[in-house]
C-alpha atoms as a PDB file:
ATOM      1  CA  UNK A   1      28.433  27.800  22.078  1.00  0.00           C
ATOM      2  CA  UNK A   2      25.296  27.984  20.407  1.00  0.00           C
ATOM      3  CA  UNK A   3      26.793  28.633  16.817  1.00  0.00           C
ATOM      4  CA  UNK A   4      28.439  24.935  17.306  1.00  0.00           C
ATOM      5  CA  UNK A   5      25.044  23.679  18.868  1.00  0.00           C
ATOM      6  CA  UNK A   6      23.381  24.301  15.504  1.00  0.00           C
ATOM      7  CA  UNK A   7      25.544  23.026  13.344  1.00  0.00           C
ATOM      8  CA  UNK A   8      25.610  19.822  15.015  1.00  0.00           C
ATOM      9  CA  UNK A   9      21.959  19.967  14.812  1.00  0.00           C
ATOM     10  CA  UNK A  10      22.375  20.506  11.222  1.00  0.00           C
ATOM     11  CA  UNK A  11      24.787  17.723  10.789  1.00  0.00           C
ATOM     12  CA  UNK A  12      22.473  15.114  12.743  1.00  0.00           C
ATOM     13  CA  UNK A  13      19.603  16.150   9.909  1.00  0.00           C
ATOM     14  CA  UNK A  14      21.811  15.622   7.241  1.00  0.00           C
ATOM     15  CA  UNK A  15      22.959  12.294   8.691  1.00  0.00           C
ATOM     16  CA  UNK A  16      19.682  10.950   9.039  1.00  0.00           C
ATOM     17  CA  UNK A  17      19.025  12.244   5.198  1.00  0.00           C
ATOM     18  CA  UNK A  18      21.588  10.382   3.963  1.00  0.00           C
ATOM     19  CA  UNK A  19      20.534   7.052   6.184  1.00  0.00           C
ATOM     20  CA  UNK A  20      17.093   7.669   4.694  1.00  0.00           C
ATOM     21  CA  UNK A  21      18.270   7.570   1.051  1.00  0.00           C
ATOM     22  CA  UNK A  22      20.528   4.669   1.426  1.00  0.00           C
ATOM     23  CA  UNK A  23      17.337   2.996   2.789  1.00  0.00           C
ATOM     24  CA  UNK A  24      15.318   3.907   0.203  1.00  0.00           C
ATOM     25  CA  UNK A  25      17.973   2.780  -2.902  1.00  0.00           C
ATOM     26  CA  UNK A  26      18.558  -0.208  -1.245  1.00  0.00           C
ATOM     27  CA  UNK A  27      14.705  -0.819  -1.211  1.00  0.00           C
ATOM     28  CA  UNK A  28      14.744   0.233  -4.935  1.00  0.00           C
ATOM     29  CA  UNK A  29      17.333  -2.565  -5.793  1.00  0.00           C
ATOM     30  CA  UNK A  30      15.851  -5.442  -3.867  1.00  0.00           C
ATOM     31  CA  UNK A  31      12.730  -4.684  -5.225  1.00  0.00           C
ATOM     32  CA  UNK A  32      13.987  -4.379  -8.877  1.00  0.00           C
ATOM     33  CA  UNK A  33      15.925  -7.784  -8.438  1.00  0.00           C
ATOM     34  CA  UNK A  34      12.835  -9.748  -6.742  1.00  0.00           C
ATOM     35  CA  UNK A  35      10.445  -7.865  -8.211  1.00  0.00           C
ATOM     36  CA  UNK A  36       9.326 -10.249 -11.047  1.00  0.00           C
ATOM     37  CA  UNK A  37       9.213 -13.051  -7.883  1.00  0.00           C
ATOM     38  CA  UNK A  38       7.152 -10.789  -5.749  1.00  0.00           C
ATOM     39  CA  UNK A  39       4.435 -10.087  -8.308  1.00  0.00           C
ATOM     40  CA  UNK A  40       4.379 -13.819  -8.911  1.00  0.00           C
ATOM     41  CA  UNK A  41       3.463 -14.495  -5.422  1.00  0.00           C
ATOM     42  CA  UNK A  42       1.194 -11.659  -4.809  1.00  0.00           C
ATOM     43  CA  UNK A  43      -0.598 -12.462  -8.083  1.00  0.00           C
ATOM     44  CA  UNK A  44      -1.303 -15.786  -6.568  1.00  0.00           C
ATOM     45  CA  UNK A  45      -2.401 -14.637  -3.518  1.00  0.00           C
ATOM     46  CA  UNK A  46      -4.825 -12.447  -4.823  1.00  0.00           C
ATOM     47  CA  UNK A  47      -5.980 -14.720  -7.220  1.00  0.00           C
ATOM     48  CA  UNK A  48      -6.485 -17.491  -4.011  1.00  0.00           C
ATOM     49  CA  UNK A  49      -8.290 -14.977  -2.342  1.00  0.00           C
ATOM     50  CA  UNK A  50     -10.330 -14.013  -5.107  1.00  0.00           C
ATOM     51  CA  UNK A  51     -11.412 -17.627  -6.073  1.00  0.00           C
ATOM     52  CA  UNK A  52     -15.450 -18.041  -5.247  1.00  0.00           C
ATOM     53  CA  UNK A  53     -16.335 -14.774  -4.139  1.00  0.00           C
ATOM     54  CA  UNK A  54     -17.853 -14.213  -7.527  1.00  0.00           C
ATOM     55  CA  UNK A  55     -20.909 -16.306  -6.648  1.00  0.00           C
ATOM     56  CA  UNK A  56     -20.681 -13.936  -3.281  1.00  0.00           C
ATOM     57  CA  UNK A  57     -21.330 -10.600  -4.765  1.00  0.00           C
ATOM     58  CA  UNK A  58     -24.429  -8.866  -3.923  1.00  0.00           C
ATOM     59  CA  UNK A  59     -25.661  -7.036  -7.102  1.00  0.00           C
ATOM     60  CA  UNK A  60     -24.995  -3.328  -6.451  1.00  0.00           C
ATOM     61  CA  UNK A  61     -28.391  -1.234  -6.761  1.00  0.00           C
ATOM     62  CA  UNK A  62     -29.118   2.513  -6.790  1.00  0.00           C
ATOM     63  CA  UNK A  63     -30.315   3.554  -3.592  1.00  0.00           C
ATOM     64  CA  UNK A  64     -33.747   4.730  -5.542  1.00  0.00           C
ATOM     65  CA  UNK A  65     -34.494   1.262  -6.784  1.00  0.00           C
ATOM     66  CA  UNK A  66     -33.210  -0.346  -3.195  1.00  0.00           C
ATOM     67  CA  UNK A  67     -35.893   1.765  -1.316  1.00  0.00           C
ATOM     68  CA  UNK A  68     -38.514   1.085  -4.138  1.00  0.00           C
ATOM     69  CA  UNK A  69     -37.970  -2.777  -4.018  1.00  0.00           C
ATOM     70  CA  UNK A  70     -37.567  -2.741  -0.043  1.00  0.00           C
ATOM     71  CA  UNK A  71     -41.108  -3.893   0.436  1.00  0.00           C
ATOM     72  CA  UNK A  72     -41.207  -6.487  -2.628  1.00  0.00           C
ATOM     73  CA  UNK A  73     -38.216  -8.082  -1.070  1.00  0.00           C
ATOM     74  CA  UNK A  74     -39.110  -8.458   2.554  1.00  0.00           C
END
């Protein structure tokens, strides 16, 4: 009885691996077909989110420079 149980457990693991492989292949095919469209949509979204933020960016300083200028900046 125990041998049959171990075989079924191994069979279930193989079935899960096959399902994961099929889903992964399907995802690759979908991204391959719609890859250009997805790239354009994401590129547009990133461009919209990035616009206007360059004026709001603070100049990055070293920590030593920041501490030296701490009194002068109030």
